[in-house]
Amino acid sequence: MTEALSFSKYQGTGNDFVMLVDLDDERSLTPREISAVCDRRIGVGADGVIRLVRSDRDDAPFFMDYANADGSQAEMCGNGIRCVGVLLNERGLVADRSVDVLTRAGIKHLTVEPAGGGPARRVTVGMGVPNFTKAAIPMRGPAWETFLGQPFEVGDDLTMTASALSMGNPHLVVFVDGDPATVHVAHIGPRLERHEAFPEHTNVEFAYVHDGVIHARVWERGVGETMACGSGACAVLVAANEAGLVPSRAVVSFPGGDLEVERRDDGQVLLTGDAVRVFEGSVDLTALVRS
């Protein structure tokens, strides 16, 4: 017996997602199934799976059920929710270009606009207010303490300046002295993701500011290195702004493309970038899990 799983594949700045529309919450996936679907050799291939479910809240009609490529649940995904905005718009599930979507990190407001030609849409999402306390990140230590612009041991007797914060999910921003392309992200990233200071593990960004642009690479918790990270872009901008390296609005450039991030006077962080539907398909979920 086979089970056909219909899906859409979307990407935002190189972050790619298998998108499932399950409005009546009839079929959640197990961690093993999610891992198989995201596998880039035997499955569809993605950084994560997003299942879109109808919410019972009037102020946020849809819930984004997001899981990392390893099957673990995550609180938030900035590029993923931008893809949700495009999907809702293309499917005609919303009446206008703006919608509020419920996530595990709270309600996020999305605005979808046409991009400069082609099938992509330009999406802005309000990512909320960053939290710097160790309790919120979470990070071990006194709950009220912060960790901003401090030395952090990254291994192999190497110490770098880093800042930790929550954008609804945990981030450690490591400032490097030159192009992040020279950083051994595959070596350092896993160590920092699972560092004992972070009881729920953490996303790790490696950032360098040049001519007002923040150049970054990211090691995502539960995924590995990805082409970009929306919440990571927000964390990088906030950390760099706190350090006086950039103003409250700047471009964060990842290998997958550029994202615009603005830290408003009220503390809210806005994330803007393009998202696009790549293709639609169906996969034999039973065969995938058996592989």
C-alpha atoms as a PDB file:
ATOM      1  CA  MET A   1       0.000   0.000   0.000  1.00  0.00           C
ATOM      2  CA  THR A   2       1.314   3.420  -0.923  1.00  0.00           C
ATOM      3  CA  GLU A   3       0.515   6.869   0.405  1.00  0.00           C
ATOM      4  CA  ALA A   4       0.759   9.727  -2.079  1.00  0.00           C
ATOM      5  CA  LEU A   5       1.769  13.031  -0.518  1.00  0.00           C
ATOM      6  CA  SER A   6       0.963  16.108  -2.596  1.00  0.00           C
ATOM      7  CA  PHE A   7       3.207  19.084  -1.968  1.00  0.00           C
ATOM      8  CA  SER A   8       4.509  22.380  -3.289  1.00  0.00           C
ATOM      9  CA  LYS A   9       8.168  23.349  -3.247  1.00  0.00           C
ATOM     10  CA  TYR A  10       8.956  26.988  -2.412  1.00  0.00           C
ATOM     11  CA  GLN A  11      12.178  28.856  -1.817  1.00  0.00           C
ATOM     12  CA  GLY A  12      13.139  32.201  -0.348  1.00  0.00           C
ATOM     13  CA  THR A  13      16.738  33.371  -0.802  1.00  0.00           C
ATOM     14  CA  GLY A  14      17.819  29.764  -1.314  1.00  0.00           C
ATOM     15  CA  ASN A  15      16.042  28.459   1.787  1.00  0.00           C
ATOM     16  CA  ASP A  16      13.795  25.746   0.364  1.00  0.00           C
ATOM     17  CA  PHE A  17      10.715  24.148   1.857  1.00  0.00           C
ATOM     18  CA  VAL A  18       8.266  21.354   1.161  1.00  0.00           C
ATOM     19  CA  MET A  19       4.868  22.983   1.702  1.00  0.00           C
ATOM     20  CA  LEU A  20       1.790  20.961   2.642  1.00  0.00           C
ATOM     21  CA  VAL A  21      -1.709  22.447   2.680  1.00  0.00           C
ATOM     22  CA  ASP A  22      -3.592  20.513   5.363  1.00  0.00           C
ATOM     23  CA  LEU A  23      -6.197  23.050   6.401  1.00  0.00           C
ATOM     24  CA  ASP A  24      -8.334  20.550   8.331  1.00  0.00           C
ATOM     25  CA  ASP A  25      -5.324  19.136  10.216  1.00  0.00           C
ATOM     26  CA  GLU A  26      -5.865  15.631   8.875  1.00  0.00           C
ATOM     27  CA  ARG A  27      -2.277  14.448   8.326  1.00  0.00           C
ATOM     28  CA  SER A  28       0.663  15.503  10.433  1.00  0.00           C
ATOM     29  CA  LEU A  29       4.024  13.966   9.558  1.00  0.00           C
ATOM     30  CA  THR A  30       6.251  12.032  11.920  1.00  0.00           C
ATOM     31  CA  PRO A  31       9.870  13.152  12.417  1.00  0.00           C
ATOM     32  CA  ARG A  32      11.002  10.147  10.373  1.00  0.00           C
ATOM     33  CA  GLU A  33       8.677  11.077   7.508  1.00  0.00           C
ATOM     34  CA  ILE A  34       9.840  14.702   7.584  1.00  0.00           C
ATOM     35  CA  SER A  35      13.477  13.644   7.530  1.00  0.00           C
ATOM     36  CA  ALA A  36      12.836  11.347   4.556  1.00  0.00           C
ATOM     37  CA  VAL A  37      10.964  14.022   2.588  1.00  0.00           C
ATOM     38  CA  CYS A  38      13.751  16.561   3.191  1.00  0.00           C
ATOM     39  CA  ASP A  39      16.541  14.149   2.227  1.00  0.00           C
ATOM     40  CA  ARG A  40      18.225  15.533  -0.896  1.00  0.00           C
ATOM     41  CA  ARG A  41      19.120  12.101  -2.267  1.00  0.00           C
ATOM     42  CA  ILE A  42      16.153   9.849  -1.567  1.00  0.00           C
ATOM     43  CA  GLY A  43      13.452  12.461  -0.991  1.00  0.00           C
ATOM     44  CA  VAL A  44      12.223  15.763  -2.366  1.00  0.00           C
ATOM     45  CA  GLY A  45      15.029  17.732  -0.706  1.00  0.00           C
ATOM     46  CA  ALA A  46      14.437  20.738   1.534  1.00  0.00           C
ATOM     47  CA  ASP A  47      15.615  22.666   4.574  1.00  0.00           C
ATOM     48  CA  GLY A  48      12.313  21.934   6.268  1.00  0.00           C
ATOM     49  CA  VAL A  49       8.638  21.031   5.964  1.00  0.00           C
ATOM     50  CA  ILE A  50       5.842  23.552   6.456  1.00  0.00           C
ATOM     51  CA  ARG A  51       2.325  22.257   7.044  1.00  0.00           C
ATOM     52  CA  LEU A  52      -0.344  24.923   6.748  1.00  0.00           C
ATOM     53  CA  VAL A  53      -3.310  24.309   9.043  1.00  0.00           C
ATOM     54  CA  ARG A  54      -6.471  26.312   9.612  1.00  0.00           C
ATOM     55  CA  SER A  55      -6.354  28.057  12.999  1.00  0.00           C
ATOM     56  CA  ASP A  56      -9.282  28.444  15.394  1.00  0.00           C
ATOM     57  CA  ARG A  57      -8.296  32.072  16.066  1.00  0.00           C
ATOM     58  CA  ASP A  58     -10.058  35.008  14.434  1.00  0.00           C
ATOM     59  CA  ASP A  59      -6.924  37.176  14.561  1.00  0.00           C
ATOM     60  CA  ALA A  60      -4.736  34.615  12.757  1.00  0.00           C
ATOM     61  CA  PRO A  61      -6.664  32.246  10.460  1.00  0.00           C
ATOM     62  CA  PHE A  62      -3.709  29.965   9.616  1.00  0.00           C
ATOM     63  CA  PHE A  63      -1.066  28.146  11.645  1.00  0.00           C
ATOM     64  CA  MET A  64       2.418  27.423  10.284  1.00  0.00           C
ATOM     65  CA  ASP A  65       3.488  24.006  11.552  1.00  0.00           C
ATOM     66  CA  TYR A  66       7.222  24.090  10.821  1.00  0.00           C
ATOM     67  CA  ALA A  67       9.775  21.313  11.215  1.00  0.00           C
ATOM     68  CA  ASN A  68      13.500  21.267  10.470  1.00  0.00           C
ATOM     69  CA  ALA A  69      15.016  18.816   8.015  1.00  0.00           C
ATOM     70  CA  ASP A  70      15.896  16.409  10.838  1.00  0.00           C
ATOM     71  CA  GLY A  71      12.241  16.229  11.888  1.00  0.00           C
ATOM     72  CA  SER A  72      12.551  18.436  14.962  1.00  0.00           C
ATOM     73  CA  GLN A  73       9.969  21.155  15.549  1.00  0.00           C
ATOM     74  CA  ALA A  74      11.077  24.780  15.403  1.00  0.00           C
ATOM     75  CA  GLU A  75       9.484  27.896  16.833  1.00  0.00           C
ATOM     76  CA  MET A  76       9.921  30.099  13.787  1.00  0.00           C
ATOM     77  CA  CYS A  77      11.365  30.319  10.286  1.00  0.00           C
ATOM     78  CA  GLY A  78      11.577  33.766   8.695  1.00  0.00           C
ATOM     79  CA  ASN A  79      12.100  32.655   5.121  1.00  0.00           C
ATOM     80  CA  GLY A  80       9.578  29.856   5.561  1.00  0.00           C
ATOM     81  CA  ILE A  81       6.800  32.164   6.672  1.00  0.00           C
ATOM     82  CA  ARG A  82       7.544  34.457   3.728  1.00  0.00           C
ATOM     83  CA  CYS A  83       6.926  31.436   1.496  1.00  0.00           C
ATOM     84  CA  VAL A  84       3.671  30.846   3.376  1.00  0.00           C
ATOM     85  CA  GLY A  85       2.602  34.363   2.400  1.00  0.00           C
ATOM     86  CA  VAL A  86       3.178  33.631  -1.274  1.00  0.00           C
ATOM     87  CA  LEU A  87       1.361  30.299  -1.107  1.00  0.00           C
ATOM     88  CA  LEU A  88      -1.677  31.845   0.580  1.00  0.00           C
ATOM     89  CA  ASN A  89      -1.736  34.579  -2.044  1.00  0.00           C
ATOM     90  CA  GLU A  90      -1.376  32.197  -4.998  1.00  0.00           C
ATOM     91  CA  ARG A  91      -3.995  29.760  -3.696  1.00  0.00           C
ATOM     92  CA  GLY A  92      -6.493  32.550  -3.107  1.00  0.00           C
ATOM     93  CA  LEU A  93      -6.767  31.633   0.575  1.00  0.00           C
ATOM     94  CA  VAL A  94      -6.598  35.279   1.642  1.00  0.00           C
ATOM     95  CA  ALA A  95      -8.714  38.160   0.408  1.00  0.00           C
ATOM     96  CA  ASP A  96      -5.929  40.726   0.256  1.00  0.00           C
ATOM     97  CA  ARG A  97      -2.156  40.987   0.312  1.00  0.00           C
ATOM     98  CA  SER A  98      -1.868  41.076   4.097  1.00  0.00           C
ATOM     99  CA  VAL A  99      -2.498  38.268   6.564  1.00  0.00           C
ATOM    100  CA  ASP A 100      -1.635  37.301  10.125  1.00  0.00           C
ATOM    101  CA  VAL A 101      -0.252  33.787  10.599  1.00  0.00           C
ATOM    102  CA  LEU A 102       0.073  31.932  13.887  1.00  0.00           C
ATOM    103  CA  THR A 103       3.451  30.323  14.623  1.00  0.00           C
ATOM    104  CA  ARG A 104       5.018  28.721  17.691  1.00  0.00           C
ATOM    105  CA  ALA A 105       6.715  32.085  18.217  1.00  0.00           C
ATOM    106  CA  GLY A 106       3.421  33.983  18.146  1.00  0.00           C
ATOM    107  CA  ILE A 107       1.437  35.779  15.445  1.00  0.00           C
ATOM    108  CA  LYS A 108       3.370  37.219  12.501  1.00  0.00           C
ATOM    109  CA  HIS A 109       2.003  39.839  10.102  1.00  0.00           C
ATOM    110  CA  LEU A 110       2.754  39.301   6.402  1.00  0.00           C
ATOM    111  CA  THR A 111       2.453  41.654   3.444  1.00  0.00           C
ATOM    112  CA  VAL A 112       2.860  40.259  -0.077  1.00  0.00           C
ATOM    113  CA  GLU A 113       3.634  42.484  -3.059  1.00  0.00           C
ATOM    114  CA  PRO A 114       4.612  41.830  -6.681  1.00  0.00           C
ATOM    115  CA  ALA A 115       8.358  41.566  -7.220  1.00  0.00           C
ATOM    116  CA  GLY A 116      10.271  43.157 -10.077  1.00  0.00           C
ATOM    117  CA  GLY A 117       9.189  40.766 -12.812  1.00  0.00           C
ATOM    118  CA  GLY A 118       9.009  36.962 -12.935  1.00  0.00           C
ATOM    119  CA  PRO A 119       6.986  34.672 -10.684  1.00  0.00           C
ATOM    120  CA  ALA A 120       8.511  35.786  -7.374  1.00  0.00           C
ATOM    121  CA  ARG A 121       6.640  37.808  -4.790  1.00  0.00           C
ATOM    122  CA  ARG A 122       8.180  40.293  -2.396  1.00  0.00           C
ATOM    123  CA  VAL A 123       7.177  39.564   1.175  1.00  0.00           C
ATOM    124  CA  THR A 124       7.633  41.561   4.373  1.00  0.00           C
ATOM    125  CA  VAL A 125       7.085  39.890   7.726  1.00  0.00           C
ATOM    126  CA  GLY A 126       7.075  41.442  11.170  1.00  0.00           C
ATOM    127  CA  MET A 127       9.415  39.199  13.124  1.00  0.00           C
ATOM    128  CA  GLY A 128       8.729  40.658  16.547  1.00  0.00           C
ATOM    129  CA  VAL A 129      11.007  42.219  19.137  1.00  0.00           C
ATOM    130  CA  PRO A 130      14.384  40.606  19.880  1.00  0.00           C
ATOM    131  CA  ASN A 131      15.003  39.384  23.414  1.00  0.00           C
ATOM    132  CA  PHE A 132      18.513  39.421  24.846  1.00  0.00           C
ATOM    133  CA  THR A 133      17.999  37.752  28.238  1.00  0.00           C
ATOM    134  CA  LYS A 134      19.545  34.347  28.742  1.00  0.00           C
ATOM    135  CA  ALA A 135      16.217  33.022  29.989  1.00  0.00           C
ATOM    136  CA  ALA A 136      14.519  33.922  26.692  1.00  0.00           C
ATOM    137  CA  ILE A 137      17.196  32.611  24.322  1.00  0.00           C
ATOM    138  CA  PRO A 138      17.576  30.157  26.248  1.00  0.00           C
ATOM    139  CA  MET A 139      21.218  30.254  27.338  1.00  0.00           C
ATOM    140  CA  ARG A 140      22.688  28.946  30.555  1.00  0.00           C
ATOM    141  CA  GLY A 141      23.427  31.514  33.241  1.00  0.00           C
ATOM    142  CA  PRO A 142      21.495  34.008  35.338  1.00  0.00           C
ATOM    143  CA  ALA A 143      18.107  34.548  33.709  1.00  0.00           C
ATOM    144  CA  TRP A 144      18.409  38.346  33.541  1.00  0.00           C
ATOM    145  CA  GLU A 145      21.930  38.415  32.088  1.00  0.00           C
ATOM    146  CA  THR A 146      22.672  39.213  28.453  1.00  0.00           C
ATOM    147  CA  PHE A 147      25.495  38.097  26.186  1.00  0.00           C
ATOM    148  CA  LEU A 148      26.355  40.873  23.741  1.00  0.00           C
ATOM    149  CA  GLY A 149      29.716  41.528  22.099  1.00  0.00           C
ATOM    150  CA  GLN A 150      31.559  39.143  24.395  1.00  0.00           C
ATOM    151  CA  PRO A 151      34.350  36.608  23.802  1.00  0.00           C
ATOM    152  CA  PHE A 152      33.065  33.110  23.005  1.00  0.00           C
ATOM    153  CA  GLU A 153      35.157  29.953  22.754  1.00  0.00           C
ATOM    154  CA  VAL A 154      34.433  28.371  19.359  1.00  0.00           C
ATOM    155  CA  GLY A 155      36.872  25.459  19.721  1.00  0.00           C
ATOM    156  CA  ASP A 156      40.450  24.609  18.771  1.00  0.00           C
ATOM    157  CA  ASP A 157      41.688  27.309  21.170  1.00  0.00           C
ATOM    158  CA  LEU A 158      39.899  29.908  19.035  1.00  0.00           C
ATOM    159  CA  THR A 159      37.858  32.689  20.635  1.00  0.00           C
ATOM    160  CA  MET A 160      35.623  35.098  18.700  1.00  0.00           C
ATOM    161  CA  THR A 161      33.368  37.997  19.587  1.00  0.00           C
ATOM    162  CA  ALA A 162      29.743  36.896  19.680  1.00  0.00           C
ATOM    163  CA  SER A 163      26.238  37.962  20.694  1.00  0.00           C
ATOM    164  CA  ALA A 164      23.290  35.769  21.662  1.00  0.00           C
ATOM    165  CA  LEU A 165      19.624  36.667  21.292  1.00  0.00           C
ATOM    166  CA  SER A 166      16.197  35.291  20.582  1.00  0.00           C
ATOM    167  CA  MET A 167      14.136  36.147  17.512  1.00  0.00           C
ATOM    168  CA  GLY A 168      11.473  33.707  18.686  1.00  0.00           C
ATOM    169  CA  ASN A 169      14.177  31.058  18.279  1.00  0.00           C
ATOM    170  CA  PRO A 170      17.776  31.020  19.585  1.00  0.00           C
ATOM    171  CA  HIS A 171      20.705  32.612  17.734  1.00  0.00           C
ATOM    172  CA  LEU A 172      24.411  33.004  18.326  1.00  0.00           C
ATOM    173  CA  VAL A 173      25.931  35.667  16.055  1.00  0.00           C
ATOM    174  CA  VAL A 174      29.698  35.295  15.681  1.00  0.00           C
ATOM    175  CA  PHE A 175      31.562  38.290  14.256  1.00  0.00           C
ATOM    176  CA  VAL A 176      34.471  37.347  11.994  1.00  0.00           C
ATOM    177  CA  ASP A 177      37.359  39.483  10.726  1.00  0.00           C
ATOM    178  CA  GLY A 178      36.848  38.941   6.998  1.00  0.00           C
ATOM    179  CA  ASP A 179      34.753  37.257   4.332  1.00  0.00           C
ATOM    180  CA  PRO A 180      32.648  34.509   5.985  1.00  0.00           C
ATOM    181  CA  ALA A 181      33.421  32.351   2.924  1.00  0.00           C
ATOM    182  CA  THR A 182      36.764  31.602   4.577  1.00  0.00           C
ATOM    183  CA  VAL A 183      35.179  30.278   7.784  1.00  0.00           C
ATOM    184  CA  HIS A 184      35.045  26.498   8.294  1.00  0.00           C
ATOM    185  CA  VAL A 185      31.317  26.599   8.972  1.00  0.00           C
ATOM    186  CA  ALA A 186      30.850  22.839   8.570  1.00  0.00           C
ATOM    187  CA  HIS A 187      33.453  22.304  11.297  1.00  0.00           C
ATOM    188  CA  ILE A 188      32.592  25.087  13.749  1.00  0.00           C
ATOM    189  CA  GLY A 189      28.824  25.259  13.199  1.00  0.00           C
ATOM    190  CA  PRO A 190      27.876  21.862  14.666  1.00  0.00           C
ATOM    191  CA  ARG A 191      30.006  22.497  17.746  1.00  0.00           C
ATOM    192  CA  LEU A 192      28.322  25.803  18.459  1.00  0.00           C
ATOM    193  CA  GLU A 193      24.827  24.528  17.627  1.00  0.00           C
ATOM    194  CA  ARG A 194      25.183  21.940  20.404  1.00  0.00           C
ATOM    195  CA  HIS A 195      27.341  24.000  22.749  1.00  0.00           C
ATOM    196  CA  GLU A 196      26.602  23.325  26.399  1.00  0.00           C
ATOM    197  CA  ALA A 197      25.672  26.992  26.866  1.00  0.00           C
ATOM    198  CA  PHE A 198      22.499  26.412  24.810  1.00  0.00           C
ATOM    199  CA  PRO A 199      20.228  23.768  26.372  1.00  0.00           C
ATOM    200  CA  GLU A 200      17.896  23.728  23.353  1.00  0.00           C
ATOM    201  CA  HIS A 201      20.767  24.146  20.860  1.00  0.00           C
ATOM    202  CA  THR A 202      21.049  27.264  18.707  1.00  0.00           C
ATOM    203  CA  ASN A 203      21.264  28.660  15.202  1.00  0.00           C
ATOM    204  CA  VAL A 204      24.710  30.088  14.453  1.00  0.00           C
ATOM    205  CA  GLU A 205      25.501  33.019  12.144  1.00  0.00           C
ATOM    206  CA  PHE A 206      28.971  34.107  11.027  1.00  0.00           C
ATOM    207  CA  ALA A 207      28.882  37.813  10.138  1.00  0.00           C
ATOM    208  CA  TYR A 208      31.202  40.442   8.670  1.00  0.00           C
ATOM    209  CA  VAL A 209      30.314  44.073   7.902  1.00  0.00           C
ATOM    210  CA  HIS A 210      31.775  45.690   4.792  1.00  0.00           C
ATOM    211  CA  ASP A 211      30.642  48.989   3.229  1.00  0.00           C
ATOM    212  CA  GLY A 212      27.438  48.941   5.257  1.00  0.00           C
ATOM    213  CA  VAL A 213      26.406  45.447   4.089  1.00  0.00           C
ATOM    214  CA  ILE A 214      26.403  42.506   6.472  1.00  0.00           C
ATOM    215  CA  HIS A 215      27.843  39.405   4.817  1.00  0.00           C
ATOM    216  CA  ALA A 216      26.787  36.223   6.561  1.00  0.00           C
ATOM    217  CA  ARG A 217      26.704  32.460   6.517  1.00  0.00           C
ATOM    218  CA  VAL A 218      24.470  30.388   8.740  1.00  0.00           C
ATOM    219  CA  TRP A 219      24.463  26.994  10.402  1.00  0.00           C
ATOM    220  CA  GLU A 220      20.830  26.224  11.187  1.00  0.00           C
ATOM    221  CA  ARG A 221      19.787  24.176  14.168  1.00  0.00           C
ATOM    222  CA  GLY A 222      18.488  20.794  13.020  1.00  0.00           C
ATOM    223  CA  VAL A 223      19.432  21.415   9.380  1.00  0.00           C
ATOM    224  CA  GLY A 224      23.098  22.317   8.857  1.00  0.00           C
ATOM    225  CA  GLU A 225      24.462  25.078   6.661  1.00  0.00           C
ATOM    226  CA  THR A 226      21.765  26.645   4.516  1.00  0.00           C
ATOM    227  CA  MET A 227      21.812  29.235   1.746  1.00  0.00           C
ATOM    228  CA  ALA A 228      20.126  31.806   3.989  1.00  0.00           C
ATOM    229  CA  CYS A 229      18.072  32.209   7.162  1.00  0.00           C
ATOM    230  CA  GLY A 230      15.347  34.783   7.721  1.00  0.00           C
ATOM    231  CA  SER A 231      15.352  34.830  11.512  1.00  0.00           C
ATOM    232  CA  GLY A 232      19.148  34.633  11.284  1.00  0.00           C
ATOM    233  CA  ALA A 233      19.229  37.752   9.123  1.00  0.00           C
ATOM    234  CA  CYS A 234      17.218  39.560  11.790  1.00  0.00           C
ATOM    235  CA  ALA A 235      19.527  38.323  14.542  1.00  0.00           C
ATOM    236  CA  VAL A 236      22.593  39.439  12.573  1.00  0.00           C
ATOM    237  CA  LEU A 237      21.201  42.923  11.938  1.00  0.00           C
ATOM    238  CA  VAL A 238      20.174  43.368  15.568  1.00  0.00           C
ATOM    239  CA  ALA A 239      23.538  42.157  16.899  1.00  0.00           C
ATOM    240  CA  ALA A 240      25.476  44.352  14.475  1.00  0.00           C
ATOM    241  CA  ASN A 241      23.266  47.338  15.289  1.00  0.00           C
ATOM    242  CA  GLU A 242      23.790  46.781  19.015  1.00  0.00           C
ATOM    243  CA  ALA A 243      27.548  46.747  18.362  1.00  0.00           C
ATOM    244  CA  GLY A 244      27.348  50.030  16.417  1.00  0.00           C
ATOM    245  CA  LEU A 245      28.509  48.387  13.190  1.00  0.00           C
ATOM    246  CA  VAL A 246      25.437  49.242  11.096  1.00  0.00           C
ATOM    247  CA  PRO A 247      22.397  51.535  11.355  1.00  0.00           C
ATOM    248  CA  SER A 248      18.955  50.208  12.172  1.00  0.00           C
ATOM    249  CA  ARG A 249      18.344  49.217   8.552  1.00  0.00           C
ATOM    250  CA  ALA A 250      20.741  47.235   6.376  1.00  0.00           C
ATOM    251  CA  VAL A 251      21.090  44.474   3.799  1.00  0.00           C
ATOM    252  CA  VAL A 252      22.157  41.054   5.014  1.00  0.00           C
ATOM    253  CA  SER A 253      23.837  39.160   2.181  1.00  0.00           C
ATOM    254  CA  PHE A 254      23.837  35.354   2.285  1.00  0.00           C
ATOM    255  CA  PRO A 255      25.140  32.898  -0.327  1.00  0.00           C
ATOM    256  CA  GLY A 256      21.497  32.497  -1.420  1.00  0.00           C
ATOM    257  CA  GLY A 257      20.867  36.203  -1.891  1.00  0.00           C
ATOM    258  CA  ASP A 258      20.087  39.416  -0.041  1.00  0.00           C
ATOM    259  CA  LEU A 259      17.519  40.171   2.628  1.00  0.00           C
ATOM    260  CA  GLU A 260      16.524  43.608   3.900  1.00  0.00           C
ATOM    261  CA  VAL A 261      16.147  43.976   7.648  1.00  0.00           C
ATOM    262  CA  GLU A 262      14.893  46.984   9.585  1.00  0.00           C
ATOM    263  CA  ARG A 263      14.867  47.458  13.355  1.00  0.00           C
ATOM    264  CA  ARG A 264      12.162  49.997  14.044  1.00  0.00           C
ATOM    265  CA  ASP A 265      12.076  52.502  16.887  1.00  0.00           C
ATOM    266  CA  ASP A 266       9.426  50.437  18.664  1.00  0.00           C
ATOM    267  CA  GLY A 267      11.771  47.445  18.653  1.00  0.00           C
ATOM    268  CA  GLN A 268       9.935  45.488  15.976  1.00  0.00           C
ATOM    269  CA  VAL A 269      12.138  43.864  13.338  1.00  0.00           C
ATOM    270  CA  LEU A 270      10.926  43.722   9.722  1.00  0.00           C
ATOM    271  CA  LEU A 271      12.271  41.167   7.248  1.00  0.00           C
ATOM    272  CA  THR A 272      11.818  41.681   3.494  1.00  0.00           C
ATOM    273  CA  GLY A 273      12.797  39.530   0.531  1.00  0.00           C
ATOM    274  CA  ASP A 274      11.559  37.562  -2.457  1.00  0.00           C
ATOM    275  CA  ALA A 275       9.927  34.123  -2.333  1.00  0.00           C
ATOM    276  CA  VAL A 276       8.828  31.918  -5.194  1.00  0.00           C
ATOM    277  CA  ARG A 277       7.074  28.642  -5.933  1.00  0.00           C
ATOM    278  CA  VAL A 278       9.528  26.254  -7.588  1.00  0.00           C
ATOM    279  CA  PHE A 279       7.300  23.296  -8.519  1.00  0.00           C
ATOM    280  CA  GLU A 280       4.455  21.071  -7.389  1.00  0.00           C
ATOM    281  CA  GLY A 281       4.478  17.325  -7.115  1.00  0.00           C
ATOM    282  CA  SER A 282       3.509  14.124  -5.365  1.00  0.00           C
ATOM    283  CA  VAL A 283       5.719  11.608  -3.616  1.00  0.00           C
ATOM    284  CA  ASP A 284       5.228   8.040  -2.389  1.00  0.00           C
ATOM    285  CA  LEU A 285       5.653   8.642   1.328  1.00  0.00           C
ATOM    286  CA  THR A 286       5.569   4.933   2.186  1.00  0.00           C
ATOM    287  CA  ALA A 287       8.442   4.164  -0.173  1.00  0.00           C
ATOM    288  CA  LEU A 288      10.454   7.113   1.127  1.00  0.00           C
ATOM    289  CA  VAL A 289      10.248   5.968   4.738  1.00  0.00           C
ATOM    290  CA  ARG A 290      11.277   2.442   3.760  1.00  0.00           C
ATOM    291  CA  SER A 291      14.363   3.675   1.857  1.00  0.00           C
END
